[in-house]
Amino acid sequence: MTVLRNAARAALAACAALALVGGVSVDAHAAVGKFEYAGADGINSVFVNPPTGPCIGFTKEAVSAGNYTDTDAKVYEGLACGGQGESLPKGTGKSWGVFRPNSVRFG
């Protein structure tokens, strides 16, 4: 009886460990390539392999941007991806007049 109980406990512990290992495995997704933007001062900033999903704030307002990643992006006026937004498809670039994006989201 004790042997059977110990075997059951060992099997339960093995199943629990297996479930924990399987549950910890999380795939991180990123846009592969570079996203560049230029401020009014003419200085470029670059994100390499940016994550898909979260909003990424710029350090300065952009006057132009190039999405040289494999994922579509959307740029926004607000720092937290708020306000007016504009699509920037993968492999494209754009310059703006009045619109000045301050953040981007991929995916």
C-alpha atoms as a PDB file:
ATOM      1  CA  MET A   1       0.000   0.000   0.000  1.00  0.00           C
ATOM      2  CA  THR A   2       2.827   2.416   0.860  1.00  0.00           C
ATOM      3  CA  VAL A   3       4.609   1.583  -2.400  1.00  0.00           C
ATOM      4  CA  LEU A   4       1.429   2.333  -4.365  1.00  0.00           C
ATOM      5  CA  ARG A   5       0.919   5.612  -2.521  1.00  0.00           C
ATOM      6  CA  ASN A   6       4.545   6.678  -3.148  1.00  0.00           C
ATOM      7  CA  ALA A   7       4.216   5.789  -6.835  1.00  0.00           C
ATOM      8  CA  ALA A   8       1.037   7.864  -7.105  1.00  0.00           C
ATOM      9  CA  ARG A   9       2.736  10.828  -5.437  1.00  0.00           C
ATOM     10  CA  ALA A  10       5.721  10.528  -7.765  1.00  0.00           C
ATOM     11  CA  ALA A  11       3.438  10.398 -10.809  1.00  0.00           C
ATOM     12  CA  LEU A  12       1.470  13.423  -9.579  1.00  0.00           C
ATOM     13  CA  ALA A  13       4.673  15.379  -8.953  1.00  0.00           C
ATOM     14  CA  ALA A  14       5.952  14.508 -12.444  1.00  0.00           C
ATOM     15  CA  CYS A  15       2.673  15.646 -14.051  1.00  0.00           C
ATOM     16  CA  ALA A  16       2.703  18.899 -12.074  1.00  0.00           C
ATOM     17  CA  ALA A  17       6.312  19.598 -13.094  1.00  0.00           C
ATOM     18  CA  LEU A  18       5.467  18.892 -16.726  1.00  0.00           C
ATOM     19  CA  ALA A  19       2.484  21.244 -16.583  1.00  0.00           C
ATOM     20  CA  LEU A  20       4.625  24.016 -15.085  1.00  0.00           C
ATOM     21  CA  VAL A  21       7.314  23.660 -17.738  1.00  0.00           C
ATOM     22  CA  GLY A  22       4.712  23.689 -20.511  1.00  0.00           C
ATOM     23  CA  GLY A  23       2.987  26.722 -19.018  1.00  0.00           C
ATOM     24  CA  VAL A  24       6.191  28.763 -18.734  1.00  0.00           C
ATOM     25  CA  SER A  25       7.012  28.481 -22.420  1.00  0.00           C
ATOM     26  CA  VAL A  26       5.884  31.761 -23.995  1.00  0.00           C
ATOM     27  CA  ASP A  27       6.656  32.843 -27.545  1.00  0.00           C
ATOM     28  CA  ALA A  28       7.867  36.438 -27.812  1.00  0.00           C
ATOM     29  CA  HIS A  29       6.975  38.024 -31.131  1.00  0.00           C
ATOM     30  CA  ALA A  30       8.923  40.788 -32.810  1.00  0.00           C
ATOM     31  CA  ALA A  31       8.846  42.557 -36.121  1.00  0.00           C
ATOM     32  CA  VAL A  32      12.036  41.527 -37.911  1.00  0.00           C
ATOM     33  CA  GLY A  33      14.023  44.429 -39.345  1.00  0.00           C
ATOM     34  CA  LYS A  34      14.472  48.127 -38.593  1.00  0.00           C
ATOM     35  CA  PHE A  35      12.077  50.998 -37.973  1.00  0.00           C
ATOM     36  CA  GLU A  36      13.693  54.397 -38.411  1.00  0.00           C
ATOM     37  CA  TYR A  37      12.291  57.841 -37.731  1.00  0.00           C
ATOM     38  CA  ALA A  38      13.705  61.348 -38.073  1.00  0.00           C
ATOM     39  CA  GLY A  39      12.946  64.351 -35.916  1.00  0.00           C
ATOM     40  CA  ALA A  40      12.732  67.944 -37.129  1.00  0.00           C
ATOM     41  CA  ASP A  41      16.388  68.278 -36.079  1.00  0.00           C
ATOM     42  CA  GLY A  42      17.297  65.753 -38.814  1.00  0.00           C
ATOM     43  CA  ILE A  43      18.634  63.168 -36.364  1.00  0.00           C
ATOM     44  CA  ASN A  44      17.494  59.589 -36.994  1.00  0.00           C
ATOM     45  CA  SER A  45      16.490  57.091 -34.326  1.00  0.00           C
ATOM     46  CA  VAL A  46      16.200  53.341 -34.939  1.00  0.00           C
ATOM     47  CA  PHE A  47      14.332  50.403 -33.398  1.00  0.00           C
ATOM     48  CA  VAL A  48      15.792  47.014 -34.363  1.00  0.00           C
ATOM     49  CA  ASN A  49      13.410  44.021 -34.250  1.00  0.00           C
ATOM     50  CA  PRO A  50      10.749  45.941 -32.283  1.00  0.00           C
ATOM     51  CA  PRO A  51       8.164  43.933 -30.308  1.00  0.00           C
ATOM     52  CA  THR A  52       4.703  43.447 -31.760  1.00  0.00           C
ATOM     53  CA  GLY A  53       1.786  44.545 -29.603  1.00  0.00           C
ATOM     54  CA  PRO A  54       3.003  47.123 -27.080  1.00  0.00           C
ATOM     55  CA  CYS A  55       3.108  50.833 -27.824  1.00  0.00           C
ATOM     56  CA  ILE A  56       6.606  52.266 -28.309  1.00  0.00           C
ATOM     57  CA  GLY A  57       7.070  55.984 -27.590  1.00  0.00           C
ATOM     58  CA  PHE A  58       9.488  58.126 -29.583  1.00  0.00           C
ATOM     59  CA  THR A  59      12.090  60.391 -27.951  1.00  0.00           C
ATOM     60  CA  LYS A  60      10.990  63.250 -30.248  1.00  0.00           C
ATOM     61  CA  GLU A  61       8.236  64.034 -32.743  1.00  0.00           C
ATOM     62  CA  ALA A  62       8.875  62.414 -36.109  1.00  0.00           C
ATOM     63  CA  VAL A  63       8.771  64.241 -39.441  1.00  0.00           C
ATOM     64  CA  SER A  64       9.414  61.037 -41.389  1.00  0.00           C
ATOM     65  CA  ALA A  65       9.682  57.303 -40.760  1.00  0.00           C
ATOM     66  CA  GLY A  66      10.667  54.133 -42.558  1.00  0.00           C
ATOM     67  CA  ASN A  67       9.158  50.780 -41.618  1.00  0.00           C
ATOM     68  CA  TYR A  68      11.769  48.353 -42.922  1.00  0.00           C
ATOM     69  CA  THR A  69      10.358  45.434 -40.915  1.00  0.00           C
ATOM     70  CA  ASP A  70       8.267  42.448 -41.962  1.00  0.00           C
ATOM     71  CA  THR A  71       5.241  43.738 -39.999  1.00  0.00           C
ATOM     72  CA  ASP A  72       2.742  46.543 -40.605  1.00  0.00           C
ATOM     73  CA  ALA A  73       2.898  49.438 -38.142  1.00  0.00           C
ATOM     74  CA  LYS A  74       0.654  52.275 -37.077  1.00  0.00           C
ATOM     75  CA  VAL A  75       2.072  55.597 -35.894  1.00  0.00           C
ATOM     76  CA  TYR A  76       0.175  57.869 -33.498  1.00  0.00           C
ATOM     77  CA  GLU A  77       0.240  61.532 -32.464  1.00  0.00           C
ATOM     78  CA  GLY A  78       0.141  60.649 -28.765  1.00  0.00           C
ATOM     79  CA  LEU A  79       3.029  59.168 -26.769  1.00  0.00           C
ATOM     80  CA  ALA A  80       0.864  56.260 -25.595  1.00  0.00           C
ATOM     81  CA  CYS A  81      -0.528  55.366 -29.054  1.00  0.00           C
ATOM     82  CA  GLY A  82      -3.399  57.765 -28.578  1.00  0.00           C
ATOM     83  CA  GLY A  83      -4.853  60.444 -30.763  1.00  0.00           C
ATOM     84  CA  GLN A  84      -4.802  60.408 -34.539  1.00  0.00           C
ATOM     85  CA  GLY A  85      -3.140  57.377 -36.082  1.00  0.00           C
ATOM     86  CA  GLU A  86      -1.809  56.537 -39.506  1.00  0.00           C
ATOM     87  CA  SER A  87      -0.814  53.193 -41.038  1.00  0.00           C
ATOM     88  CA  LEU A  88       2.744  52.582 -42.158  1.00  0.00           C
ATOM     89  CA  PRO A  89       2.803  49.233 -44.019  1.00  0.00           C
ATOM     90  CA  LYS A  90       5.860  46.991 -43.904  1.00  0.00           C
ATOM     91  CA  GLY A  91       8.633  47.971 -46.283  1.00  0.00           C
ATOM     92  CA  THR A  92       7.433  51.573 -46.723  1.00  0.00           C
ATOM     93  CA  GLY A  93       8.449  55.042 -45.627  1.00  0.00           C
ATOM     94  CA  LYS A  94       6.638  58.350 -45.312  1.00  0.00           C
ATOM     95  CA  SER A  95       7.188  62.031 -44.578  1.00  0.00           C
ATOM     96  CA  TRP A  96       4.622  64.258 -42.874  1.00  0.00           C
ATOM     97  CA  GLY A  97       3.724  67.928 -42.893  1.00  0.00           C
ATOM     98  CA  VAL A  98       1.400  68.865 -40.021  1.00  0.00           C
ATOM     99  CA  PHE A  99       0.958  65.324 -38.605  1.00  0.00           C
ATOM    100  CA  ARG A 100       3.791  64.526 -36.164  1.00  0.00           C
ATOM    101  CA  PRO A 101       3.794  61.000 -34.755  1.00  0.00           C
ATOM    102  CA  ASN A 102       5.111  60.372 -31.236  1.00  0.00           C
ATOM    103  CA  SER A 103       4.621  56.608 -30.927  1.00  0.00           C
ATOM    104  CA  VAL A 104       4.233  53.398 -32.920  1.00  0.00           C
ATOM    105  CA  ARG A 105       2.658  49.964 -32.559  1.00  0.00           C
ATOM    106  CA  PHE A 106       3.524  46.910 -34.688  1.00  0.00           C
ATOM    107  CA  GLY A 107       1.212  44.069 -35.583  1.00  0.00           C
END
